[in-house]
Amino acid sequence: MLKGTRDGILKRVQPVSIHGQIYWDVFFTSLEEPDGQIHVARMGPEAVAANIEPGDQIRVEYLVGVAVKVSFVRA
């Protein structure tokens, strides 16, 4: 996918320190299969919506196949 989005259900967010820089591993499943395969996206904290919690419906934005932003999906 060159550019696009994928909606999902947040399973967990885990901080990761790489050479002192903090990143977030965002674990999520697709909306169609909430108990299906878990996908992981690693990105900087500025790209992840604040106060995001497990169980939230999210939208992951991709650019050239790489996750670049996670936001809430508003109903």
PDB file of N, CA and C in Angstrom:
ATOM      1  N   MET A   1       0.849  -1.162   0.000  1.00  0.00           N
ATOM      2  CA  MET A   1       0.000   0.000   0.000  1.00  0.00           C
ATOM      3  C   MET A   1       0.905   1.238   0.000  1.00  0.00           C
ATOM      4  N   LEU A   2       0.814   2.044  -1.031  1.00  0.00           N
ATOM      5  CA  LEU A   2       1.628   3.260  -1.081  1.00  0.00           C
ATOM      6  C   LEU A   2       1.136   4.294  -0.086  1.00  0.00           C
ATOM      7  N   LYS A   3      -0.170   4.553  -0.106  1.00  0.00           N
ATOM      8  CA  LYS A   3      -0.752   5.485   0.847  1.00  0.00           C
ATOM      9  C   LYS A   3      -2.157   5.014   1.149  1.00  0.00           C
ATOM     10  N   GLY A   4      -2.506   4.951   2.429  1.00  0.00           N
ATOM     11  CA  GLY A   4      -3.842   4.509   2.792  1.00  0.00           C
ATOM     12  C   GLY A   4      -4.014   4.413   4.285  1.00  0.00           C
ATOM     13  N   THR A   5      -5.153   3.868   4.687  1.00  0.00           N
ATOM     14  CA  THR A   5      -5.456   3.715   6.103  1.00  0.00           C
ATOM     15  C   THR A   5      -5.987   2.313   6.368  1.00  0.00           C
ATOM     16  N   ARG A   6      -5.912   1.920   7.610  1.00  0.00           N
ATOM     17  CA  ARG A   6      -6.473   0.646   8.070  1.00  0.00           C
ATOM     18  C   ARG A   6      -7.122   0.921   9.422  1.00  0.00           C
ATOM     19  N   ASP A   7      -8.397   0.577   9.558  1.00  0.00           N
ATOM     20  CA  ASP A   7      -9.095   0.728  10.836  1.00  0.00           C
ATOM     21  C   ASP A   7      -8.895  -0.527  11.663  1.00  0.00           C
ATOM     22  N   GLY A   8      -8.837  -0.342  12.978  1.00  0.00           N
ATOM     23  CA  GLY A   8      -8.616  -1.487  13.843  1.00  0.00           C
ATOM     24  C   GLY A   8      -9.042  -1.239  15.269  1.00  0.00           C
ATOM     25  N   ILE A   9      -8.789  -2.233  16.099  1.00  0.00           N
ATOM     26  CA  ILE A   9      -9.060  -2.169  17.526  1.00  0.00           C
ATOM     27  C   ILE A   9      -7.711  -2.225  18.245  1.00  0.00           C
ATOM     28  N   LEU A  10      -7.448  -1.225  19.076  1.00  0.00           N
ATOM     29  CA  LEU A  10      -6.186  -1.169  19.815  1.00  0.00           C
ATOM     30  C   LEU A  10      -6.148  -2.265  20.870  1.00  0.00           C
ATOM     31  N   LYS A  11      -5.068  -3.022  20.897  1.00  0.00           N
ATOM     32  CA  LYS A  11      -4.882  -4.066  21.904  1.00  0.00           C
ATOM     33  C   LYS A  11      -3.969  -3.586  23.032  1.00  0.00           C
ATOM     34  N   ARG A  12      -2.870  -2.919  22.663  1.00  0.00           N
ATOM     35  CA  ARG A  12      -1.988  -2.338  23.691  1.00  0.00           C
ATOM     36  C   ARG A  12      -0.990  -1.403  23.039  1.00  0.00           C
ATOM     37  N   VAL A  13      -0.421  -0.530  23.881  1.00  0.00           N
ATOM     38  CA  VAL A  13       0.644   0.385  23.464  1.00  0.00           C
ATOM     39  C   VAL A  13       1.791   0.178  24.437  1.00  0.00           C
ATOM     40  N   GLN A  14       2.974  -0.058  23.897  1.00  0.00           N
ATOM     41  CA  GLN A  14       4.135  -0.349  24.735  1.00  0.00           C
ATOM     42  C   GLN A  14       5.273   0.589  24.371  1.00  0.00           C
ATOM     43  N   PRO A  15       5.818   1.316  25.362  1.00  0.00           N
ATOM     44  CA  PRO A  15       6.974   2.172  25.069  1.00  0.00           C
ATOM     45  C   PRO A  15       8.226   1.330  24.860  1.00  0.00           C
ATOM     46  N   VAL A  16       9.077   1.788  23.934  1.00  0.00           N
ATOM     47  CA  VAL A  16      10.338   1.111  23.637  1.00  0.00           C
ATOM     48  C   VAL A  16      11.422   2.181  23.584  1.00  0.00           C
ATOM     49  N   SER A  17      12.539   1.947  24.270  1.00  0.00           N
ATOM     50  CA  SER A  17      13.658   2.882  24.236  1.00  0.00           C
ATOM     51  C   SER A  17      14.738   2.328  23.314  1.00  0.00           C
ATOM     52  N   ILE A  18      15.085   3.113  22.304  1.00  0.00           N
ATOM     53  CA  ILE A  18      16.148   2.737  21.375  1.00  0.00           C
ATOM     54  C   ILE A  18      17.196   3.831  21.429  1.00  0.00           C
ATOM     55  N   HIS A  19      18.339   3.512  22.009  1.00  0.00           N
ATOM     56  CA  HIS A  19      19.431   4.470  22.199  1.00  0.00           C
ATOM     57  C   HIS A  19      18.947   5.734  22.904  1.00  0.00           C
ATOM     58  N   GLY A  20      18.073   5.566  23.893  1.00  0.00           N
ATOM     59  CA  GLY A  20      17.582   6.686  24.681  1.00  0.00           C
ATOM     60  C   GLY A  20      16.403   7.428  24.079  1.00  0.00           C
ATOM     61  N   GLN A  21      16.028   7.114  22.844  1.00  0.00           N
ATOM     62  CA  GLN A  21      14.870   7.743  22.198  1.00  0.00           C
ATOM     63  C   GLN A  21      13.650   6.851  22.418  1.00  0.00           C
ATOM     64  N   ILE A  22      12.539   7.428  22.883  1.00  0.00           N
ATOM     65  CA  ILE A  22      11.335   6.648  23.149  1.00  0.00           C
ATOM     66  C   ILE A  22      10.484   6.533  21.882  1.00  0.00           C
ATOM     67  N   TYR A  23      10.042   5.311  21.604  1.00  0.00           N
ATOM     68  CA  TYR A  23       9.106   5.007  20.527  1.00  0.00           C
ATOM     69  C   TYR A  23       7.944   4.238  21.129  1.00  0.00           C
ATOM     70  N   TRP A  24       6.864   4.101  20.386  1.00  0.00           N
ATOM     71  CA  TRP A  24       5.710   3.338  20.831  1.00  0.00           C
ATOM     72  C   TRP A  24       5.475   2.174  19.888  1.00  0.00           C
ATOM     73  N   ASP A  25       5.293   0.987  20.445  1.00  0.00           N
ATOM     74  CA  ASP A  25       4.830  -0.161  19.680  1.00  0.00           C
ATOM     75  C   ASP A  25       3.318  -0.225  19.885  1.00  0.00           C
ATOM     76  N   VAL A  26       2.575  -0.086  18.800  1.00  0.00           N
ATOM     77  CA  VAL A  26       1.117  -0.082  18.841  1.00  0.00           C
ATOM     78  C   VAL A  26       0.635  -1.435  18.314  1.00  0.00           C
ATOM     79  N   PHE A  27      -0.039  -2.191  19.156  1.00  0.00           N
ATOM     80  CA  PHE A  27      -0.544  -3.512  18.802  1.00  0.00           C
ATOM     81  C   PHE A  27      -2.039  -3.382  18.527  1.00  0.00           C
ATOM     82  N   PHE A  28      -2.479  -3.864  17.356  1.00  0.00           N
ATOM     83  CA  PHE A  28      -3.894  -3.737  16.997  1.00  0.00           C
ATOM     84  C   PHE A  28      -4.325  -4.880  16.093  1.00  0.00           C
ATOM     85  N   THR A  29      -5.652  -5.080  16.035  1.00  0.00           N
ATOM     86  CA  THR A  29      -6.256  -6.060  15.128  1.00  0.00           C
ATOM     87  C   THR A  29      -7.185  -5.315  14.181  1.00  0.00           C
ATOM     88  N   SER A  30      -7.617  -5.990  13.133  1.00  0.00           N
ATOM     89  CA  SER A  30      -8.543  -5.359  12.187  1.00  0.00           C
ATOM     90  C   SER A  30      -9.940  -5.319  12.794  1.00  0.00           C
ATOM     91  N   LEU A  31     -10.771  -4.390  12.309  1.00  0.00           N
ATOM     92  CA  LEU A  31     -12.155  -4.294  12.782  1.00  0.00           C
ATOM     93  C   LEU A  31     -12.953  -5.541  12.423  1.00  0.00           C
ATOM     94  N   GLU A  32     -12.676  -6.109  11.250  1.00  0.00           N
ATOM     95  CA  GLU A  32     -13.420  -7.266  10.785  1.00  0.00           C
ATOM     96  C   GLU A  32     -13.127  -8.517  11.614  1.00  0.00           C
ATOM     97  N   GLU A  33     -11.914  -8.625  12.132  1.00  0.00           N
ATOM     98  CA  GLU A  33     -11.515  -9.784  12.937  1.00  0.00           C
ATOM     99  C   GLU A  33     -10.860  -9.317  14.231  1.00  0.00           C
ATOM    100  N   PRO A  34     -11.662  -8.873  15.211  1.00  0.00           N
ATOM    101  CA  PRO A  34     -11.088  -8.351  16.451  1.00  0.00           C
ATOM    102  C   PRO A  34     -10.265  -9.362  17.247  1.00  0.00           C
ATOM    103  N   ASP A  35     -10.509 -10.646  17.031  1.00  0.00           N
ATOM    104  CA  ASP A  35      -9.726 -11.680  17.714  1.00  0.00           C
ATOM    105  C   ASP A  35      -8.716 -12.325  16.774  1.00  0.00           C
ATOM    106  N   GLY A  36      -8.490 -11.700  15.624  1.00  0.00           N
ATOM    107  CA  GLY A  36      -7.587 -12.244  14.612  1.00  0.00           C
ATOM    108  C   GLY A  36      -6.132 -11.864  14.846  1.00  0.00           C
ATOM    109  N   GLN A  37      -5.375 -11.858  13.770  1.00  0.00           N
ATOM    110  CA  GLN A  37      -3.945 -11.579  13.816  1.00  0.00           C
ATOM    111  C   GLN A  37      -3.670 -10.191  14.389  1.00  0.00           C
ATOM    112  N   ILE A  38      -2.670 -10.102  15.244  1.00  0.00           N
ATOM    113  CA  ILE A  38      -2.263  -8.825  15.832  1.00  0.00           C
ATOM    114  C   ILE A  38      -1.168  -8.218  14.971  1.00  0.00           C
ATOM    115  N   HIS A  39      -1.364  -6.960  14.596  1.00  0.00           N
ATOM    116  CA  HIS A  39      -0.391  -6.199  13.820  1.00  0.00           C
ATOM    117  C   HIS A  39       0.339  -5.261  14.772  1.00  0.00           C
ATOM    118  N   VAL A  40       1.582  -4.931  14.448  1.00  0.00           N
ATOM    119  CA  VAL A  40       2.377  -4.030  15.280  1.00  0.00           C
ATOM    120  C   VAL A  40       2.926  -2.905  14.417  1.00  0.00           C
ATOM    121  N   ALA A  41       2.792  -1.683  14.913  1.00  0.00           N
ATOM    122  CA  ALA A  41       3.353  -0.513  14.239  1.00  0.00           C
ATOM    123  C   ALA A  41       4.230   0.224  15.242  1.00  0.00           C
ATOM    124  N   ARG A  42       5.466   0.536  14.869  1.00  0.00           N
ATOM    125  CA  ARG A  42       6.376   1.282  15.754  1.00  0.00           C
ATOM    126  C   ARG A  42       6.515   2.691  15.212  1.00  0.00           C
ATOM    127  N   MET A  43       6.293   3.668  16.099  1.00  0.00           N
ATOM    128  CA  MET A  43       6.402   5.067  15.673  1.00  0.00           C
ATOM    129  C   MET A  43       6.709   5.946  16.862  1.00  0.00           C
ATOM    130  N   GLY A  44       7.078   7.183  16.554  1.00  0.00           N
ATOM    131  CA  GLY A  44       7.374   8.153  17.596  1.00  0.00           C
ATOM    132  C   GLY A  44       6.115   8.565  18.336  1.00  0.00           C
ATOM    133  N   PRO A  45       6.259   9.037  19.572  1.00  0.00           N
ATOM    134  CA  PRO A  45       5.090   9.397  20.371  1.00  0.00           C
ATOM    135  C   PRO A  45       4.256  10.525  19.763  1.00  0.00           C
ATOM    136  N   GLU A  46       4.857  11.380  18.944  1.00  0.00           N
ATOM    137  CA  GLU A  46       4.117  12.470  18.314  1.00  0.00           C
ATOM    138  C   GLU A  46       3.117  11.965  17.275  1.00  0.00           C
ATOM    139  N   ALA A  47       3.262  10.727  16.825  1.00  0.00           N
ATOM    140  CA  ALA A  47       2.391  10.164  15.801  1.00  0.00           C
ATOM    141  C   ALA A  47       1.242   9.337  16.381  1.00  0.00           C
ATOM    142  N   VAL A  48       1.192   9.224  17.715  1.00  0.00           N
ATOM    143  CA  VAL A  48       0.162   8.413  18.368  1.00  0.00           C
ATOM    144  C   VAL A  48      -0.768   9.339  19.142  1.00  0.00           C
ATOM    145  N   ALA A  49      -2.074   9.158  18.955  1.00  0.00           N
ATOM    146  CA  ALA A  49      -3.067   9.990  19.641  1.00  0.00           C
ATOM    147  C   ALA A  49      -2.874   9.912  21.152  1.00  0.00           C
ATOM    148  N   ALA A  50      -3.031  11.060  21.818  1.00  0.00           N
ATOM    149  CA  ALA A  50      -2.895  11.114  23.280  1.00  0.00           C
ATOM    150  C   ALA A  50      -4.058  10.384  23.941  1.00  0.00           C
ATOM    151  N   ASN A  51      -3.805   9.814  25.100  1.00  0.00           N
ATOM    152  CA  ASN A  51      -4.819   9.139  25.917  1.00  0.00           C
ATOM    153  C   ASN A  51      -5.490   7.963  25.209  1.00  0.00           C
ATOM    154  N   ILE A  52      -4.787   7.332  24.311  1.00  0.00           N
ATOM    155  CA  ILE A  52      -5.315   6.167  23.604  1.00  0.00           C
ATOM    156  C   ILE A  52      -5.235   4.972  24.552  1.00  0.00           C
ATOM    157  N   GLU A  53      -6.287   4.136  24.565  1.00  0.00           N
ATOM    158  CA  GLU A  53      -6.342   3.016  25.496  1.00  0.00           C
ATOM    159  C   GLU A  53      -6.780   1.737  24.791  1.00  0.00           C
ATOM    160  N   PRO A  54      -6.391   0.586  25.330  1.00  0.00           N
ATOM    161  CA  PRO A  54      -6.828  -0.682  24.743  1.00  0.00           C
ATOM    162  C   PRO A  54      -8.345  -0.736  24.615  1.00  0.00           C
ATOM    163  N   GLY A  55      -8.803  -1.276  23.489  1.00  0.00           N
ATOM    164  CA  GLY A  55     -10.231  -1.357  23.213  1.00  0.00           C
ATOM    165  C   GLY A  55     -10.742  -0.222  22.344  1.00  0.00           C
ATOM    166  N   ASP A  56      -9.946   0.856  22.208  1.00  0.00           N
ATOM    167  CA  ASP A  56     -10.346   1.986  21.365  1.00  0.00           C
ATOM    168  C   ASP A  56     -10.323   1.586  19.901  1.00  0.00           C
ATOM    169  N   GLN A  57     -11.247   2.155  19.130  1.00  0.00           N
ATOM    170  CA  GLN A  57     -11.230   1.971  17.683  1.00  0.00           C
ATOM    171  C   GLN A  57     -10.267   3.007  17.115  1.00  0.00           C
ATOM    172  N   ILE A  58      -9.302   2.548  16.312  1.00  0.00           N
ATOM    173  CA  ILE A  58      -8.255   3.434  15.800  1.00  0.00           C
ATOM    174  C   ILE A  58      -8.179   3.389  14.284  1.00  0.00           C
ATOM    175  N   ARG A  59      -7.490   4.359  13.727  1.00  0.00           N
ATOM    176  CA  ARG A  59      -7.180   4.388  12.294  1.00  0.00           C
ATOM    177  C   ARG A  59      -5.670   4.562  12.180  1.00  0.00           C
ATOM    178  N   VAL A  60      -5.029   3.628  11.470  1.00  0.00           N
ATOM    179  CA  VAL A  60      -3.586   3.674  11.247  1.00  0.00           C
ATOM    180  C   VAL A  60      -3.366   4.162   9.820  1.00  0.00           C
ATOM    181  N   GLU A  61      -2.594   5.247   9.677  1.00  0.00           N
ATOM    182  CA  GLU A  61      -2.291   5.795   8.359  1.00  0.00           C
ATOM    183  C   GLU A  61      -0.938   5.267   7.900  1.00  0.00           C
ATOM    184  N   TYR A  62      -0.869   4.881   6.623  1.00  0.00           N
ATOM    185  CA  TYR A  62       0.346   4.318   6.034  1.00  0.00           C
ATOM    186  C   TYR A  62       0.840   5.193   4.894  1.00  0.00           C
ATOM    187  N   LEU A  63       2.138   5.246   4.743  1.00  0.00           N
ATOM    188  CA  LEU A  63       2.777   5.908   3.615  1.00  0.00           C
ATOM    189  C   LEU A  63       3.911   5.007   3.164  1.00  0.00           C
ATOM    190  N   VAL A  64       3.889   4.578   1.935  1.00  0.00           N
ATOM    191  CA  VAL A  64       4.862   3.653   1.350  1.00  0.00           C
ATOM    192  C   VAL A  64       4.997   2.398   2.229  1.00  0.00           C
ATOM    193  N   GLY A  65       3.847   1.901   2.694  1.00  0.00           N
ATOM    194  CA  GLY A  65       3.821   0.666   3.460  1.00  0.00           C
ATOM    195  C   GLY A  65       4.271   0.771   4.900  1.00  0.00           C
ATOM    196  N   VAL A  66       4.548   1.986   5.387  1.00  0.00           N
ATOM    197  CA  VAL A  66       5.017   2.179   6.760  1.00  0.00           C
ATOM    198  C   VAL A  66       3.965   2.979   7.538  1.00  0.00           C
ATOM    199  N   ALA A  67       3.621   2.514   8.742  1.00  0.00           N
ATOM    200  CA  ALA A  67       2.671   3.231   9.583  1.00  0.00           C
ATOM    201  C   ALA A  67       3.278   4.566  10.008  1.00  0.00           C
ATOM    202  N   VAL A  68       2.520   5.655   9.828  1.00  0.00           N
ATOM    203  CA  VAL A  68       3.042   6.975  10.168  1.00  0.00           C
ATOM    204  C   VAL A  68       2.192   7.726  11.181  1.00  0.00           C
ATOM    205  N   LYS A  69       0.961   7.254  11.455  1.00  0.00           N
ATOM    206  CA  LYS A  69       0.101   7.960  12.406  1.00  0.00           C
ATOM    207  C   LYS A  69      -1.002   7.044  12.892  1.00  0.00           C
ATOM    208  N   VAL A  70      -1.336   7.183  14.189  1.00  0.00           N
ATOM    209  CA  VAL A  70      -2.459   6.458  14.773  1.00  0.00           C
ATOM    210  C   VAL A  70      -3.389   7.481  15.391  1.00  0.00           C
ATOM    211  N   SER A  71      -4.671   7.406  15.031  1.00  0.00           N
ATOM    212  CA  SER A  71      -5.655   8.343  15.564  1.00  0.00           C
ATOM    213  C   SER A  71      -6.921   7.591  15.960  1.00  0.00           C
ATOM    214  N   PHE A  72      -7.764   8.260  16.777  1.00  0.00           N
ATOM    215  CA  PHE A  72      -9.064   7.703  17.164  1.00  0.00           C
ATOM    216  C   PHE A  72      -9.995   7.733  15.955  1.00  0.00           C
ATOM    217  N   VAL A  73     -10.902   6.768  15.895  1.00  0.00           N
ATOM    218  CA  VAL A  73     -11.986   6.808  14.914  1.00  0.00           C
ATOM    219  C   VAL A  73     -13.217   7.256  15.681  1.00  0.00           C
ATOM    220  N   ARG A  74     -13.755   8.375  15.279  1.00  0.00           N
ATOM    221  CA  ARG A  74     -14.941   8.922  15.946  1.00  0.00           C
ATOM    222  C   ARG A  74     -16.193   8.334  15.314  1.00  0.00           C
ATOM    223  N   ALA A  75     -17.117   7.901  16.144  1.00  0.00           N
ATOM    224  CA  ALA A  75     -18.367   7.315  15.625  1.00  0.00           C
ATOM    225  C   ALA A  75     -19.379   8.399  15.296  1.00  0.00           C
TER     226      ALA A  75
END
